[in-house]
């Protein structure tokens, strides 16, 4: 019963998290960010599975669950960095276009 409750809580939390992250400004323009973040979801589920089914804290299951959790965290960080880098790249390219100097015209008034 406890593992079913943990699975349900995990799925609900990931669903809410996904709805929130899809609101990022560059979700649809950054395929790398989407890739890393969507790879993180199954990694979280696998980590929760290993951590809830471990019999002891010192067992192999606990180590595998911790490694999967570390991998999920890493993919989420890479995804967020990619989304934010896309924002920064867009900002810098827009800034470059806005800062193009106008051509100088010289008019002699004598």
Protein backbone atom coordinates (compact mmCIF):
# COMPACT_ATOMS: atom_id res chain seq x y z
CA UNK A 1 0.00 0.00 0.00
CA UNK A 2 2.80 2.40 0.85
CA UNK A 3 4.58 1.85 -2.47
CA UNK A 4 1.34 2.53 -4.38
CA UNK A 5 0.89 5.78 -2.47
CA UNK A 6 4.48 6.80 -3.18
CA UNK A 7 4.01 6.02 -6.87
CA UNK A 8 0.84 8.10 -7.01
CA UNK A 9 2.45 11.02 -5.21
CA UNK A 10 5.45 10.84 -7.55
CA UNK A 11 3.29 10.84 -10.68
CA UNK A 12 1.17 13.74 -9.44
CA UNK A 13 4.29 15.73 -8.48
CA UNK A 14 5.91 15.11 -11.86
CA UNK A 15 2.68 16.08 -13.64
CA UNK A 16 2.44 19.36 -11.75
CA UNK A 17 6.14 19.98 -12.35
CA UNK A 18 5.72 19.34 -16.08
CA UNK A 19 2.80 21.76 -16.33
CA UNK A 20 4.89 24.40 -14.58
CA UNK A 21 8.04 23.89 -16.66
CA UNK A 22 6.10 23.96 -19.94
CA UNK A 23 5.32 27.58 -19.16
CA UNK A 24 9.00 28.49 -19.60
CA UNK A 25 9.42 31.02 -22.39
CA UNK A 26 11.77 28.81 -24.39
CA UNK A 27 10.13 25.43 -23.89
CA UNK A 28 9.05 25.21 -27.53
CA UNK A 29 12.21 26.76 -29.01
CA UNK A 30 14.87 24.72 -27.20
CA UNK A 31 14.91 21.02 -28.15
CA UNK A 32 17.95 20.28 -25.96
CA UNK A 33 16.21 21.61 -22.87
CA UNK A 34 13.07 19.61 -23.61
CA UNK A 35 15.14 16.48 -24.21
CA UNK A 36 17.05 16.65 -20.95
CA UNK A 37 14.00 17.50 -18.87
CA UNK A 38 11.86 14.74 -20.37
CA UNK A 39 14.67 12.24 -19.82
CA UNK A 40 14.68 13.27 -16.16
CA UNK A 41 11.07 12.16 -15.57
CA UNK A 42 11.63 8.41 -16.03
CA UNK A 43 14.89 8.69 -14.10
CA UNK A 44 12.94 10.09 -11.13
CA UNK A 45 10.42 7.25 -11.36
CA UNK A 46 13.20 4.64 -11.43
CA UNK A 47 14.95 6.32 -8.49
CA UNK A 48 11.76 6.35 -6.45
CA UNK A 49 11.18 2.68 -7.28
CA UNK A 50 14.64 1.65 -6.11
CA UNK A 51 14.48 3.82 -3.00
CA UNK A 52 11.05 2.60 -1.90
CA UNK A 53 11.88 -1.06 -2.51
CA UNK A 54 15.18 -1.07 -0.67
CA UNK A 55 15.11 -3.29 2.39
CA UNK A 56 17.99 -1.63 4.20
CA UNK A 57 19.72 1.70 3.98
CA UNK A 58 23.05 0.03 3.25
CA UNK A 59 21.80 -2.26 0.49
CA UNK A 60 22.50 -2.21 -3.21
CA UNK A 61 18.99 -0.94 -3.96
CA UNK A 62 19.63 2.19 -1.93
CA UNK A 63 22.83 2.90 -3.88
CA UNK A 64 21.10 2.33 -7.23
CA UNK A 65 18.21 4.59 -6.23
CA UNK A 66 20.61 7.31 -5.14
CA UNK A 67 22.52 7.07 -8.43
CA UNK A 68 19.30 7.30 -10.43
CA UNK A 69 18.24 10.32 -8.35
CA UNK A 70 21.61 11.96 -9.03
CA UNK A 71 21.20 11.26 -12.74
CA UNK A 72 17.69 12.72 -12.74
CA UNK A 73 18.91 15.83 -10.96
CA UNK A 74 21.73 16.22 -13.47
CA UNK A 75 19.41 15.94 -16.46
CA UNK A 76 17.04 18.52 -14.95
CA UNK A 77 19.96 20.90 -14.36
CA UNK A 78 21.22 20.43 -17.94
CA UNK A 79 17.69 21.02 -19.23
CA UNK A 80 17.19 24.21 -17.22
CA UNK A 81 20.62 25.48 -18.25
CA UNK A 82 19.77 24.83 -21.90
CA UNK A 83 16.44 26.67 -21.57
CA UNK A 84 18.10 29.62 -19.87
CA UNK A 85 20.96 29.68 -22.40
CA UNK A 86 18.37 29.87 -25.16
CA UNK A 87 16.86 32.90 -23.42
CA UNK A 88 20.27 34.52 -23.07
CA UNK A 89 21.17 33.79 -26.68
CA UNK A 90 17.93 35.33 -27.89
CA UNK A 91 18.49 38.38 -25.71
CA UNK A 92 22.05 38.87 -26.94
CA UNK A 93 21.10 38.50 -30.61
CA UNK A 94 18.27 41.02 -30.16
CA UNK A 95 20.65 43.35 -28.34
CA UNK A 96 23.18 43.09 -31.19
CA UNK A 97 20.54 43.97 -33.75
CA UNK A 98 19.37 46.96 -31.72
CA UNK A 99 22.89 48.26 -31.23
CA UNK A 100 23.89 48.43 -34.91
CA UNK A 101 25.14 51.95 -35.45
CA UNK A 102 23.34 54.11 -37.94
CA UNK A 103 25.33 55.24 -40.97
CA UNK A 104 26.92 58.64 -40.54
CA UNK A 105 26.08 61.27 -43.09
CA UNK A 106 28.26 64.30 -43.34
CA UNK A 107 26.67 67.47 -44.55
CA UNK A 108 28.86 70.53 -44.99
CA UNK A 109 27.04 73.68 -44.15
CA UNK A 110 29.28 76.59 -45.20
